[in-house]
Protein backbone atom coordinates (compact mmCIF):
# COMPACT_ATOMS: atom_id res chain seq x y z
CA MET A 1 128.09 82.45 120.07
CA GLY A 2 131.37 84.32 120.11
CA THR A 3 132.24 82.81 116.73
CA GLY A 4 128.83 83.81 115.36
CA LYS A 5 129.42 87.32 116.64
CA ARG A 6 132.71 87.64 114.92
CA GLY A 7 131.22 86.21 111.75
CA LEU A 8 128.38 88.74 111.70
CA ILE A 9 130.68 91.64 112.45
CA ALA A 10 132.80 90.48 109.58
CA THR A 11 129.72 90.36 107.39
CA ALA A 12 128.69 93.87 108.34
CA VAL A 13 132.22 95.15 107.58
CA ALA A 14 132.23 93.21 104.29
CA VAL A 15 128.78 94.63 103.38
CA VAL A 16 129.82 98.18 103.92
CA CYS A 17 133.10 97.66 102.06
CA ALA A 18 131.30 95.97 99.17
CA VAL A 19 128.75 98.77 98.90
CA THR A 20 131.58 101.29 98.86
CA VAL A 21 133.25 99.50 95.99
CA LEU A 22 130.20 98.68 93.96
CA ALA A 23 128.60 102.02 94.39
CA ALA A 24 131.75 104.11 93.70
CA PRO A 25 131.66 106.16 90.47
CA GLY A 26 134.55 104.27 89.03
CA THR A 27 134.98 104.67 85.35
CA ALA A 28 133.72 107.94 83.93
CA PHE A 29 131.07 107.19 81.31
CA ALA A 30 131.77 109.79 78.62
CA ASN A 31 130.86 109.70 74.99
CA PRO A 32 133.60 108.19 72.82
CA THR A 33 135.72 110.83 71.16
CA PRO A 34 134.81 111.10 67.49
CA SER A 35 137.44 110.00 65.05
CA PRO A 36 139.18 112.78 63.20
CA THR A 37 137.68 113.57 59.79
CA PRO A 38 139.94 112.14 57.07
CA SER A 39 141.12 114.21 54.16
CA ALA A 40 138.32 115.01 51.68
CA GLY A 41 138.04 112.51 48.83
CA PRO A 42 137.73 113.55 45.26
CA VAL A 43 134.17 112.29 44.73
CA LEU A 44 131.01 113.09 46.69
CA THR A 45 128.80 110.22 47.80
CA PRO A 46 125.74 109.76 45.57
CA ALA A 47 122.42 110.88 47.10
CA LYS A 48 121.10 107.27 47.13
CA ASP A 49 124.14 106.15 49.10
CA LEU A 50 123.80 109.04 51.58
CA GLU A 51 120.24 107.91 52.18
CA ALA A 52 121.54 104.44 52.90
CA VAL A 53 124.01 105.96 55.31
CA ARG A 54 121.18 107.88 56.99
CA LYS A 55 119.18 104.68 57.46
CA LYS A 56 122.24 102.88 58.78
CA LEU A 57 122.96 105.71 61.25
CA ASP A 58 119.35 105.63 62.42
CA LYS A 59 119.64 101.95 63.08
CA LEU A 60 122.84 102.30 65.00
CA TYR A 61 121.63 105.13 67.14
CA ARG A 62 118.39 103.35 67.83
CA ALA A 63 120.46 100.31 68.99
CA ALA A 64 122.44 102.64 71.17
CA GLY A 65 119.17 104.05 72.52
CA ARG A 66 118.02 100.60 73.59
CA ALA A 67 121.29 99.84 75.22
CA THR A 68 121.07 103.21 77.03
CA ASP A 69 117.72 102.09 78.48
CA GLU A 70 119.31 98.89 79.66
CA TYR A 71 122.14 100.89 81.25
CA ASN A 72 119.85 103.28 82.97
CA ALA A 73 117.65 100.43 84.25
CA ALA A 74 120.72 98.64 85.64
CA GLU A 75 121.93 101.83 87.25
CA GLU A 76 118.58 102.42 88.91
CA LYS A 77 118.51 98.93 90.24
CA ALA A 78 122.03 99.22 91.55
CA ASP A 79 121.21 102.42 93.37
CA LYS A 80 118.21 100.75 95.00
CA GLN A 81 120.18 97.67 95.97
CA SER A 82 123.04 99.65 97.31
CA ALA A 83 120.62 101.53 99.60
CA GLU A 84 119.09 98.21 100.73
CA VAL A 85 122.50 96.70 101.54
CA VAL A 86 123.54 99.80 103.49
CA GLU A 87 120.34 99.54 105.57
CA LEU A 88 121.02 95.88 106.20
CA ALA A 89 124.58 96.69 107.29
CA LYS A 90 123.14 99.24 109.76
CA LYS A 91 120.71 96.61 111.08
CA ILE A 92 123.69 94.17 111.54
CA VAL A 93 125.62 96.68 113.48
CA LYS A 94 122.65 97.74 115.60
CA GLY A 95 121.79 94.07 116.24
CA GLN A 96 125.30 93.28 117.33
CA ASP A 97 125.11 96.07 119.91
CA LYS A 98 121.79 94.70 121.16
CA LEU A 99 123.18 91.15 121.31
CA ARG A 100 126.21 92.40 123.36
CA LYS A 101 123.91 94.14 125.88
CA LEU A 102 121.67 91.00 126.15
CA LYS A 103 124.66 88.82 126.84
CA ALA A 104 125.80 91.21 129.56
CA ARG A 105 122.44 91.01 131.12
CA ALA A 106 122.41 87.17 130.95
CA GLY A 107 125.85 87.03 132.48
CA ALA A 108 124.73 89.35 135.33
CA ALA A 109 121.70 87.13 136.00
CA ALA A 110 123.87 84.00 136.01
CA ALA A 111 126.32 85.66 138.45
CA ALA A 112 123.46 86.64 140.70
CA GLN A 113 122.16 83.09 140.81
CA TYR A 114 125.61 81.81 141.62
CA ARG A 115 125.93 84.25 144.48
CA GLY A 116 122.58 83.00 145.81
CA GLY A 117 124.17 79.59 146.05
CA GLY A 118 122.18 78.10 143.21
CA LEU A 119 120.21 76.05 145.67
CA PRO A 120 116.88 74.53 144.72
CA PRO A 121 113.72 75.83 146.44
CA GLU A 122 113.44 72.72 148.63
CA ALA A 123 116.86 73.28 150.13
CA HIS A 124 115.93 76.92 150.94
CA LEU A 125 112.76 75.52 152.72
CA VAL A 126 114.79 73.17 154.91
CA LEU A 127 117.31 75.98 155.76
CA SER A 128 114.65 78.64 156.40
CA ASP A 129 113.50 79.37 159.91
CA ASP A 130 110.36 81.09 158.58
CA PRO A 131 108.25 79.47 155.90
CA ARG A 132 106.96 82.87 154.91
CA ASP A 133 110.48 83.87 153.98
CA PHE A 134 110.65 80.80 151.82
CA LEU A 135 107.38 81.57 150.10
CA ASP A 136 108.52 85.12 149.34
CA GLY A 137 111.83 83.82 148.04
CA ALA A 138 110.07 81.18 145.98
CA GLY A 139 108.01 83.86 144.34
CA ARG A 140 111.15 85.81 143.51
CA VAL A 141 112.78 82.70 142.12
CA ARG A 142 109.79 82.08 139.81
CA GLU A 143 109.94 85.68 138.64
CA GLY A 144 113.62 85.27 138.07
CA HIS A 145 113.13 82.07 136.07
CA HIS A 146 110.52 83.84 133.86
CA ALA A 147 112.77 86.84 133.40
CA THR A 148 115.69 84.48 132.52
CA LYS A 149 113.56 82.57 130.13
CA GLY A 150 112.45 85.84 128.47
CA LEU A 151 116.05 86.99 128.23
CA LEU A 152 117.17 83.78 126.63
CA GLY A 153 114.32 83.99 124.16
CA GLU A 154 115.28 87.57 123.23
CA LEU A 155 118.98 86.50 122.82
CA THR A 156 117.89 83.69 120.49
CA ARG A 157 115.59 85.94 118.43
CA THR A 158 118.28 88.55 118.09
CA GLN A 159 120.73 86.02 116.94
CA GLU A 160 118.32 84.72 114.36
CA ASP A 161 117.59 88.18 113.14
CA LEU A 162 121.34 88.88 112.72
CA GLU A 163 121.78 85.69 110.75
CA GLN A 164 118.80 86.57 108.48
CA TYR A 165 120.23 90.08 108.00
CA ALA A 166 123.52 88.57 106.96
CA LYS A 167 121.84 86.21 104.52
CA ASP A 168 119.79 89.07 103.05
CA ALA A 169 122.88 91.23 102.75
CA SER A 170 124.78 88.47 100.95
CA ALA A 171 121.88 88.04 98.50
CA GLN A 172 121.66 91.75 97.82
CA LEU A 173 125.36 91.92 97.15
CA LYS A 174 125.08 89.16 94.58
CA LYS A 175 122.25 91.09 92.91
CA LEU A 176 124.39 94.25 93.04
CA GLU A 177 127.27 92.48 91.47
CA ALA A 178 124.98 91.10 88.71
CA GLY A 179 123.60 94.61 88.07
CA ARG A 180 127.13 95.91 87.83
CA LYS A 181 127.93 93.43 85.12
CA ALA A 182 124.69 94.24 83.31
CA LYS A 183 125.55 97.87 83.42
CA ALA A 184 129.00 97.24 82.05
CA ALA A 185 127.67 95.06 79.29
CA ALA A 186 125.12 97.80 78.28
CA GLN A 187 127.96 100.28 78.33
CA LYS A 188 129.91 98.23 75.81
CA LYS A 189 126.87 97.97 73.58
CA ILE A 190 126.38 101.75 73.66
CA GLU A 191 130.04 102.59 72.97
CA LYS A 192 130.20 100.00 70.14
CA GLN A 193 127.05 101.39 68.34
CA ILE A 194 128.11 105.02 68.85
CA ALA A 195 131.66 104.30 67.62
CA GLN A 196 130.39 102.61 64.46
CA ALA A 197 128.04 105.52 63.84
CA GLU A 198 130.79 108.12 64.34
CA LYS A 199 133.16 106.25 62.15
CA LEU A 200 130.54 106.10 59.40
CA GLU A 201 129.88 109.90 59.75
CA SER A 202 133.58 110.85 60.00
CA ALA A 203 134.23 109.15 56.59
CA LEU A 204 132.06 111.78 54.93
CA ARG A 205 133.18 115.16 53.64
CA LYS A 206 131.77 118.30 55.16
CA GLU A 207 129.38 118.84 52.27
CA GLU A 208 128.14 115.26 52.62
CA GLN A 209 127.62 115.62 56.37
CA GLU A 210 125.54 118.73 55.72
CA ARG A 211 123.55 116.84 53.12
CA LEU A 212 123.08 113.92 55.49
CA ALA A 213 121.73 116.33 58.19
CA GLN A 214 119.28 117.68 55.58
CA LEU A 215 118.16 114.22 54.70
CA GLU A 216 117.40 113.54 58.36
CA LYS A 217 115.34 116.73 58.51
CA GLU A 218 113.50 115.77 55.32
CA ALA A 219 112.63 112.31 56.71
CA ALA A 220 111.40 113.80 60.00
CA ASN A 221 109.35 116.44 58.15
CA LYS A 222 107.82 113.78 55.88
CA ALA A 223 106.74 111.72 58.88
CA GLN A 224 105.33 114.83 60.66
CA THR A 225 103.41 115.93 57.58
CA ALA A 226 101.82 112.49 57.30
CA TRP A 227 100.94 112.58 60.93
CA LEU A 228 99.37 116.04 60.64
CA ASP A 229 97.53 115.09 57.42
CA SER A 230 95.78 112.31 59.33
CA GLY A 231 93.81 115.03 61.13
CA VAL A 232 95.02 113.94 64.52
CA LEU A 233 95.86 117.53 65.60
CA ASP A 234 92.27 118.60 65.03
CA GLU A 235 91.22 116.42 68.00
CA ILE A 236 94.06 117.44 70.36
CA ASP A 237 93.09 120.37 72.46
CA GLY A 238 93.89 119.36 76.04
CA LYS A 239 95.14 121.99 78.43
CA ALA A 240 98.17 121.45 80.56
CA SER A 241 97.87 120.86 84.24
CA GLU A 242 99.85 123.09 86.62
CA GLN A 243 102.35 120.22 87.09
CA GLY A 244 102.44 119.75 83.30
CA LYS A 245 103.21 123.46 82.75
CA LYS A 246 106.14 123.24 85.21
CA ALA A 247 107.51 120.09 83.49
CA VAL A 248 107.28 121.76 80.05
CA ARG A 249 108.99 124.91 81.32
CA TYR A 250 111.87 122.76 82.72
CA ALA A 251 112.24 120.68 79.48
CA THR A 252 112.21 123.69 77.16
CA ALA A 253 114.69 125.49 79.29
CA GLN A 254 117.21 122.75 78.46
CA ILE A 255 117.07 123.34 74.71
CA GLY A 256 120.55 123.49 73.21
CA LYS A 257 122.16 121.26 75.80
CA PRO A 258 124.00 118.24 74.48
CA TYR A 259 122.76 114.63 74.46
CA GLN A 260 124.84 112.25 76.55
CA TRP A 261 123.73 108.70 77.24
CA GLY A 262 123.02 107.91 80.88
CA ALA A 263 122.87 111.66 81.70
CA GLU A 264 120.17 113.36 83.86
CA GLY A 265 121.41 116.97 83.70
CA PRO A 266 121.93 119.62 84.49
CA GLU A 267 124.39 120.07 81.63
CA THR A 268 123.61 117.05 79.51
CA TYR A 269 120.69 114.61 79.07
CA ASP A 270 119.56 111.47 77.42
CA CYS A 271 115.92 111.22 76.28
CA SER A 272 114.45 109.70 79.47
CA GLY A 273 116.84 111.67 81.70
CA LEU A 274 115.30 114.86 80.31
CA THR A 275 111.71 113.74 80.76
CA SER A 276 112.23 112.26 84.29
CA GLN A 277 114.12 115.34 85.55
CA ALA A 278 111.45 117.61 84.05
CA TRP A 279 108.72 115.89 86.07
CA ILE A 280 110.86 115.70 89.14
CA SER A 281 111.13 119.48 88.89
CA ALA A 282 107.35 119.60 88.74
CA GLY A 283 107.12 117.64 91.96
CA ARG A 284 106.37 114.22 90.45
CA GLY A 285 108.84 111.41 90.50
CA ILE A 286 108.52 109.02 87.55
CA PRO A 287 110.44 105.99 86.27
CA ARG A 288 113.90 106.68 84.93
CA THR A 289 113.76 104.82 81.61
CA SER A 290 111.50 105.24 78.63
CA GLN A 291 110.47 101.55 78.76
CA GLU A 292 109.50 101.83 82.44
CA GLN A 293 107.69 105.08 81.76
CA TRP A 294 105.74 103.28 79.12
CA LYS A 295 104.95 100.31 81.48
CA ARG A 296 104.15 102.14 84.68
CA LEU A 297 102.61 105.44 83.79
CA ARG A 298 98.90 105.81 82.72
CA HIS A 299 98.27 105.40 79.03
CA ILE A 300 96.35 108.19 77.37
CA ASP A 301 94.66 108.21 73.91
CA ILE A 302 96.49 110.54 71.50
CA GLN A 303 93.38 112.67 70.96
CA ASN A 304 93.44 113.40 74.68
CA MET A 305 97.13 114.38 74.76
CA ARG A 306 98.04 117.58 76.56
CA PRO A 307 101.23 119.47 77.19
CA GLY A 308 103.42 117.70 79.69
CA ASP A 309 102.37 114.23 78.56
CA LEU A 310 105.16 111.90 77.39
CA ILE A 311 105.19 110.47 73.88
CA ILE A 312 106.81 107.00 73.62
CA TYR A 313 108.37 106.14 70.31
CA PHE A 314 109.15 102.94 68.41
CA GLY A 315 107.73 99.47 69.11
CA ASP A 316 110.35 98.79 71.79
CA ALA A 317 109.68 102.03 73.68
CA SER A 318 113.35 102.99 73.18
CA HIS A 319 112.71 106.79 72.95
CA VAL A 320 110.61 109.37 74.79
CA ALA A 321 109.86 112.99 74.29
CA MET A 322 107.48 115.57 75.99
CA TYR A 323 104.56 116.97 74.20
CA ILE A 324 104.47 120.80 74.38
CA GLY A 325 101.37 121.54 72.30
CA ASP A 326 100.58 122.55 68.69
CA GLY A 327 101.82 119.17 67.36
CA ALA A 328 105.34 119.72 68.75
CA MET A 329 107.46 117.94 71.30
CA VAL A 330 110.85 118.62 73.06
CA HIS A 331 113.43 115.82 73.31
CA ALA A 332 117.04 114.80 73.58
CA PRO A 333 117.42 113.04 70.20
CA ARG A 334 120.74 111.13 70.12
CA PRO A 335 124.53 111.44 70.48
CA GLY A 336 125.87 114.32 68.53
CA ARG A 337 122.61 116.31 68.84
CA THR A 338 121.20 118.70 71.37
CA VAL A 339 117.91 119.00 73.21
CA THR A 340 115.49 120.41 70.63
CA ILE A 341 111.94 120.95 69.57
CA ALA A 342 110.66 118.69 66.83
CA GLY A 343 107.40 117.59 65.31
CA ALA A 344 105.54 115.13 67.64
CA GLY A 345 104.81 112.82 64.71
CA SER A 346 108.38 112.83 63.31
CA MET A 347 108.98 109.32 64.58
CA PRO A 348 106.77 106.34 64.87
CA ILE A 349 104.52 106.81 67.98
CA LEU A 350 103.99 103.79 70.22
CA GLY A 351 101.71 105.65 72.61
CA VAL A 352 101.30 108.45 75.14
CA VAL A 353 101.51 108.32 78.94
CA ARG A 354 100.60 110.84 81.64
CA PRO A 355 102.75 111.44 84.73
CA ASP A 356 100.45 113.90 86.53
CA ALA A 357 99.43 112.94 90.10
CA ASP A 358 95.90 113.71 88.84
CA ALA A 359 96.12 111.69 85.67
CA GLY A 360 92.57 112.44 84.34
CA ALA A 361 91.77 112.33 80.67
CA ASN A 362 91.63 116.07 80.21
């Protein structure tokens, strides 16, 4: 049992060390630095080519958005697994202390039996002058046997618990390592997509970049106009709950702050970082990623939408914004942009979810 004890202590130490390594901040995940703008060329890019650039950029940033969701999900899992490993490590250390005390008690019981001569009850009867003394002693012996049996049982159970804790800790460490790799892979995807987009944009002259930004606005306005022309806003008249009002106040107070993938504030945000923190500020914890927000929060019909509800965009639920009323939403759009107000219908809507604790229809 000494070998088992040393092994379990080593496991506890390894668990704590592994958690420290895997949970450490490590590499700082900052947005890649944009490439310097090259010298202006002699000819401006034709409008049709700029539109193609806009669509390409939209594709790249959407891919980065999907990867950001993967990164955020991996980070959320890693945080949870780290906490579980730490708790298991604490249980192992606590169990080791209990096992040490139980062994000390068992040793004391064995020593006491040895001092009593270790004679069987029949021998004590032969040596006893008074049978009543023997009967009293026999009763104590039976009690001692029961106590010893119980002590041995507790020792066995404690040892089994420690072995199970060690197995669980080992399994959690494997999951934690897998999550770390998933996070690193998602980071590479994000950086690759953003680097390609920034390279594409940096190749444009200042006038072309300004025209590109205008094309983005025109595309968003066109989508918003089509959404409003559908008459959907005529049916949306829900009033915000008290929690919803608090969430909206928080989100709109972040307007102007830069987008940064993986960020949850207070200085920078990604899309789901903004919405999740806004609702946390309102006293309601919600999933971290847009995809999990779509999966786990209550779905609401668009005509029942009210301020504070979250609008999920695109078929893969890769973007999220907060509805603030009057057909508008606030969101953290993409790298290179800041938290801003935009038309709720400026992107393809997948659906609406409601984070309120009281998630009634209206």
